[in-house]
Amino acid sequence: MSTAIVRWALAIAASSMAAGAAFAGAGNIDRSIGKQPTYRTAPRYGLLVFGPKRGDRIWLVRDGDLLYVDRNGNGDLTDPGEKILAENHPQTLPEEERTYSFNVGDITVGRMTHKGLRVHFAPLALLPQGLPHLKAALQKNSKAMVAAIEVEVDVPGLRGGGTGGRLKFMAGPVDLNGVLQFGDSPKHAPVVNVGGLLEVTFFMERPTLRAGRTSELTLVVGSPGVGAGTFATLAYEGTIPEEAKPTAEVRYQPSKPGEPPPRSLFEITERC
């Protein structure tokens, strides 16, 4: 078997859960930002948006061991309680080995309260370098920092395994398109969409299928964002029923030009 085209369809019982097209461009996302504090370092920007319409949004701006979070979505990063100090204080380590974790907690935007927001940063050089896009990013900037975001999202009509039935999402540090790195300006900020339209894709890298060899395909469910590393993976326990099984359709290159491609169907029964 040479190159195979793999299509995945997820049979989901809940009619309110629709598969969305890839969130490939910035579209109509509002990237304006209001009042900002005086930063001590060169700030790095990330944008978190909520729901299929992406109307609710909060800015995340890292300033060294501080993270500014627009908790109420009004664009003003100088409001009380929006400056958060990293939990760990790694000043004794060299800069290239320092990691930062920020426990933000609850945020309320668009009349919805989302819980357990945590944001992490680590040097890219500390990640395993087996994936090609990790190597490429490190060659571009040996001092690059990667980010990871986790949050429990209140999504109307859906229930998950988080607090009060909220859906658990995590984005970064890596997806099929690369690593999650905050931008040097609001214009270049990656956009993570949590609670958006859901799709099924491969985890971290596209598999290579070869004739006569066993291939392991790992799938994730989540919402695509804008920029490398922004795919927000859903912790689907309690949301997608156990009886809902993905079906893989594998199409092979035909043996003769003009013939229809042979294909095989496989039901995926194992869940991580």
Protein backbone atom coordinates (compact mmCIF):
# COMPACT_ATOMS: atom_id res chain seq x y z
CA MET A 1 0.00 0.00 0.00
CA SER A 2 1.35 3.43 -0.89
CA THR A 3 -0.01 6.73 0.36
CA ALA A 4 -3.46 6.27 1.84
CA ILE A 5 -6.15 8.88 2.20
CA VAL A 6 -7.81 8.48 5.55
CA ARG A 7 -11.21 9.96 6.32
CA TRP A 8 -12.73 9.82 9.74
CA ALA A 9 -16.39 10.12 10.67
CA LEU A 10 -17.47 10.27 14.29
CA ALA A 11 -20.92 8.92 15.02
CA ILE A 12 -22.19 11.12 17.82
CA ALA A 13 -25.58 10.52 19.39
CA ALA A 14 -26.10 14.05 20.64
CA SER A 15 -27.58 16.04 17.79
CA SER A 16 -26.30 19.31 19.23
CA MET A 17 -22.69 18.31 18.62
CA ALA A 18 -21.81 19.22 15.03
CA ALA A 19 -18.56 18.71 13.19
CA GLY A 20 -16.98 21.98 12.09
CA ALA A 21 -14.72 22.93 9.24
CA ALA A 22 -11.11 23.63 10.05
CA PHE A 23 -10.65 26.96 11.78
CA ALA A 24 -7.89 27.88 9.38
CA GLY A 25 -8.01 31.69 9.21
CA ALA A 26 -8.45 34.60 11.56
CA GLY A 27 -11.86 35.35 10.03
CA ASN A 28 -13.79 38.02 11.89
CA ILE A 29 -12.04 37.61 15.23
CA ASP A 30 -11.72 40.90 17.08
CA ARG A 31 -8.05 41.39 17.96
CA SER A 32 -8.41 44.81 19.52
CA ILE A 33 -7.08 45.25 23.01
CA GLY A 34 -7.88 47.99 25.50
CA LYS A 35 -5.86 49.38 28.37
CA GLN A 36 -2.60 47.59 29.11
CA PRO A 37 -0.23 47.78 32.06
CA THR A 38 3.38 48.88 31.87
CA TYR A 39 5.27 45.69 31.10
CA ARG A 40 8.67 44.85 32.57
CA THR A 41 9.71 42.63 29.67
CA ALA A 42 8.74 42.19 26.02
CA PRO A 43 5.12 40.95 26.38
CA ARG A 44 3.85 37.82 24.64
CA TYR A 45 0.20 37.66 23.59
CA GLY A 46 -2.35 34.86 23.34
CA LEU A 47 -6.10 35.06 22.73
CA LEU A 48 -8.69 32.66 24.15
CA VAL A 49 -12.13 32.67 22.47
CA PHE A 50 -15.25 30.72 23.41
CA GLY A 51 -18.04 28.97 21.56
CA PRO A 52 -18.81 28.38 17.88
CA LYS A 53 -19.33 32.10 17.21
CA ARG A 54 -16.09 33.08 18.99
CA GLY A 55 -17.75 36.23 20.32
CA ASP A 56 -16.50 35.92 23.90
CA ARG A 57 -12.77 36.39 24.26
CA ILE A 58 -10.08 37.06 26.83
CA TRP A 59 -6.50 38.18 26.37
CA LEU A 60 -3.59 36.37 28.00
CA VAL A 61 -0.35 38.35 28.13
CA ARG A 62 2.83 36.95 29.64
CA ASP A 63 5.32 39.36 31.15
CA GLY A 64 8.15 37.26 32.52
CA ASP A 65 6.86 35.53 35.65
CA LEU A 66 3.61 37.50 35.48
CA LEU A 67 0.52 36.70 33.45
CA TYR A 68 -2.15 39.31 32.75
CA VAL A 69 -5.60 37.78 32.19
CA ASP A 70 -8.63 39.74 31.01
CA ARG A 71 -10.94 37.83 33.37
CA ASN A 72 -14.11 39.69 32.40
CA GLY A 73 -13.43 40.07 28.68
CA ASN A 74 -13.62 43.87 28.65
CA GLY A 75 -10.19 44.31 27.08
CA ASP A 76 -8.77 46.16 30.10
CA LEU A 77 -5.79 44.29 31.52
CA THR A 78 -5.34 46.72 34.43
CA ASP A 79 -8.48 45.69 36.33
CA PRO A 80 -7.97 44.34 39.87
CA GLY A 81 -7.13 40.65 40.09
CA GLU A 82 -5.88 40.35 36.52
CA LYS A 83 -2.16 40.22 37.33
CA ILE A 84 -1.14 36.69 38.32
CA LEU A 85 2.26 35.59 39.62
CA ALA A 86 3.68 32.25 38.51
CA GLU A 87 3.23 29.48 41.06
CA ASN A 88 6.83 28.41 40.78
CA HIS A 89 9.75 30.78 41.21
CA PRO A 90 12.63 29.26 39.23
CA GLN A 91 15.07 32.15 39.54
CA THR A 92 17.78 29.74 40.67
CA LEU A 93 17.68 27.96 37.31
CA PRO A 94 19.23 29.25 34.10
CA GLU A 95 16.72 31.12 31.94
CA GLU A 96 16.75 28.38 29.29
CA GLU A 97 15.51 25.85 31.88
CA ARG A 98 12.79 27.88 33.60
CA THR A 99 9.16 26.83 33.44
CA TYR A 100 6.16 28.89 34.52
CA SER A 101 2.69 27.80 35.64
CA PHE A 102 -0.16 30.25 36.25
CA ASN A 103 -3.27 29.18 38.17
CA VAL A 104 -5.91 31.63 36.93
CA GLY A 105 -9.01 29.89 38.29
CA ASP A 106 -12.48 31.14 37.32
CA ILE A 107 -13.20 33.58 34.51
CA THR A 108 -16.60 35.05 33.65
CA VAL A 109 -17.28 36.35 30.18
CA GLY A 110 -20.49 36.57 28.14
CA ARG A 111 -22.57 35.56 31.20
CA MET A 112 -20.73 32.25 31.35
CA THR A 113 -18.35 31.21 34.13
CA HIS A 114 -15.53 28.93 33.06
CA LYS A 115 -13.37 27.22 35.65
CA GLY A 116 -9.90 25.91 36.28
CA LEU A 117 -8.01 28.03 33.76
CA ARG A 118 -4.31 27.23 33.94
CA VAL A 119 -1.57 28.45 31.61
CA HIS A 120 1.88 26.89 31.39
CA PHE A 121 5.09 27.94 29.66
CA ALA A 122 8.25 25.89 29.16
CA PRO A 123 11.39 26.13 27.02
CA LEU A 124 10.89 24.37 23.70
CA ALA A 125 14.31 22.76 24.12
CA LEU A 126 12.97 20.70 27.06
CA LEU A 127 10.39 18.94 24.87
CA PRO A 128 11.24 15.66 23.12
CA GLN A 129 12.49 16.58 19.66
CA GLY A 130 11.14 13.61 17.70
CA LEU A 131 8.58 15.58 15.67
CA PRO A 132 9.80 17.52 12.60
CA HIS A 133 7.95 20.73 13.48
CA LEU A 134 9.56 20.75 16.94
CA LYS A 135 12.99 20.60 15.36
CA ALA A 136 12.05 23.34 12.90
CA ALA A 137 10.78 25.63 15.64
CA LEU A 138 13.91 25.09 17.72
CA GLN A 139 16.18 25.82 14.75
CA LYS A 140 14.25 29.05 14.17
CA ASN A 141 14.57 30.15 17.80
CA SER A 142 16.66 28.12 20.25
CA LYS A 143 15.24 30.13 23.17
CA ALA A 144 11.57 29.74 22.21
CA MET A 145 8.97 29.14 24.92
CA VAL A 146 5.96 26.92 24.27
CA ALA A 147 2.59 27.26 25.97
CA ALA A 148 -0.20 24.97 27.13
CA ILE A 149 -3.68 26.06 28.21
CA GLU A 150 -6.29 24.05 30.10
CA VAL A 151 -9.78 25.14 31.11
CA GLU A 152 -13.23 23.78 31.96
CA VAL A 153 -15.76 25.44 29.64
CA ASP A 154 -19.48 25.96 30.18
CA VAL A 155 -21.02 24.94 26.84
CA PRO A 156 -24.82 25.21 26.58
CA GLY A 157 -26.45 21.91 25.60
CA LEU A 158 -23.40 19.75 26.33
CA ARG A 159 -22.12 18.07 29.48
CA GLY A 160 -18.64 16.85 30.24
CA GLY A 161 -16.50 15.54 33.06
CA GLY A 162 -15.53 18.93 34.49
CA THR A 163 -16.96 20.92 37.38
CA GLY A 164 -20.73 21.20 37.09
CA GLY A 165 -20.71 19.24 33.84
CA ARG A 166 -18.31 21.60 32.08
CA LEU A 167 -16.22 20.40 29.15
CA LYS A 168 -12.49 20.04 29.73
CA PHE A 169 -10.24 21.41 26.99
CA MET A 170 -6.48 21.57 26.61
CA ALA A 171 -4.47 23.29 23.87
CA GLY A 172 -0.73 23.02 23.26
CA PRO A 173 2.06 22.51 23.43
CA VAL A 174 1.92 20.67 20.07
CA ASP A 175 -0.63 19.85 17.38
CA LEU A 176 -0.46 18.81 13.72
CA ASN A 177 0.49 22.32 12.65
CA GLY A 178 3.31 22.94 15.11
CA VAL A 179 3.95 24.29 18.59
CA LEU A 180 1.91 26.81 20.56
CA GLN A 181 3.91 30.01 21.04
CA PHE A 182 2.51 33.34 22.17
CA GLY A 183 2.99 36.22 19.72
CA ASP A 184 4.96 39.44 20.04
CA SER A 185 1.85 41.56 19.39
CA PRO A 186 -1.96 41.20 19.43
CA LYS A 187 -1.85 40.90 15.64
CA HIS A 188 0.39 37.83 15.85
CA ALA A 189 -1.29 36.21 18.86
CA PRO A 190 -2.37 32.58 18.45
CA VAL A 191 -6.12 32.09 18.90
CA VAL A 192 -7.34 29.12 20.94
CA ASN A 193 -11.05 28.36 20.47
CA VAL A 194 -12.56 26.34 23.34
CA GLY A 195 -16.15 25.13 23.21
CA GLY A 196 -16.26 25.70 19.46
CA LEU A 197 -17.39 23.38 16.70
CA LEU A 198 -15.84 19.95 17.11
CA GLU A 199 -13.90 17.83 14.67
CA VAL A 200 -11.80 14.67 14.75
CA THR A 201 -8.15 14.72 13.77
CA PHE A 202 -4.85 12.99 14.39
CA PHE A 203 -2.91 13.55 17.59
CA MET A 204 0.32 15.54 17.15
CA GLU A 205 1.38 14.02 13.83
CA ARG A 206 -0.04 12.40 10.72
CA PRO A 207 0.70 8.69 10.58
CA THR A 208 2.63 7.01 7.81
CA LEU A 209 0.91 3.87 6.51
CA ARG A 210 2.99 1.17 4.80
CA ALA A 211 2.07 -2.13 3.24
CA GLY A 212 2.69 -5.15 5.42
CA ARG A 213 3.29 -3.09 8.56
CA THR A 214 1.12 -2.34 11.57
CA SER A 215 0.29 1.33 12.06
CA GLU A 216 -1.05 2.92 15.24
CA LEU A 217 -3.46 5.80 14.62
CA THR A 218 -4.23 8.10 17.54
CA LEU A 219 -7.23 10.39 17.21
CA VAL A 220 -8.43 13.36 19.23
CA VAL A 221 -11.68 15.33 19.32
CA GLY A 222 -11.58 19.09 19.72
CA SER A 223 -11.92 22.60 18.33
CA PRO A 224 -9.38 24.04 15.86
CA GLY A 225 -7.94 27.49 16.41
CA VAL A 226 -5.81 30.00 14.53
CA GLY A 227 -2.08 29.34 14.48
CA ALA A 228 0.25 26.48 15.26
CA GLY A 229 -0.49 24.44 18.36
CA THR A 230 -3.96 25.93 18.90
CA PHE A 231 -6.09 22.79 18.47
CA ALA A 232 -8.09 22.54 21.74
CA THR A 233 -8.46 18.86 22.60
CA LEU A 234 -11.64 17.76 24.37
CA ALA A 235 -11.54 15.33 27.28
CA TYR A 236 -14.50 13.45 25.87
CA GLU A 237 -15.38 11.21 28.85
CA GLY A 238 -18.95 12.01 29.85
CA THR A 239 -19.56 13.90 26.59
CA ILE A 240 -19.20 11.37 23.77
CA PRO A 241 -21.10 8.17 24.60
CA GLU A 242 -19.14 4.92 24.94
CA GLU A 243 -21.23 3.35 22.18
CA ALA A 244 -20.21 6.04 19.67
CA LYS A 245 -17.37 4.46 17.67
CA PRO A 246 -15.30 6.28 15.03
CA THR A 247 -15.14 4.61 11.62
CA ALA A 248 -11.96 4.75 9.53
CA GLU A 249 -12.24 4.57 5.75
CA VAL A 250 -8.89 3.83 4.11
CA ARG A 251 -8.60 4.38 0.35
CA TYR A 252 -5.71 2.83 -1.57
CA GLN A 253 -4.19 3.83 -4.86
CA PRO A 254 -5.76 1.76 -7.67
CA SER A 255 -3.62 -0.82 -9.39
CA LYS A 256 -4.48 0.63 -12.80
CA PRO A 257 -5.22 4.24 -13.85
CA GLY A 258 -8.93 4.97 -14.12
CA GLU A 259 -10.01 2.21 -11.76
CA PRO A 260 -11.88 3.14 -8.57
CA PRO A 261 -9.63 3.13 -5.51
CA PRO A 262 -10.01 0.06 -3.29
CA ARG A 263 -11.15 0.90 0.21
CA SER A 264 -11.55 -0.70 3.62
CA LEU A 265 -13.66 0.27 6.63
CA PHE A 266 -12.49 -0.19 10.21
CA GLU A 267 -14.39 0.52 13.42
CA ILE A 268 -12.22 2.06 16.13
CA THR A 269 -13.21 0.47 19.42
CA GLU A 270 -10.35 1.40 21.75
CA ARG A 271 -10.54 4.66 23.72
CA CYS A 272 -7.60 6.29 25.45
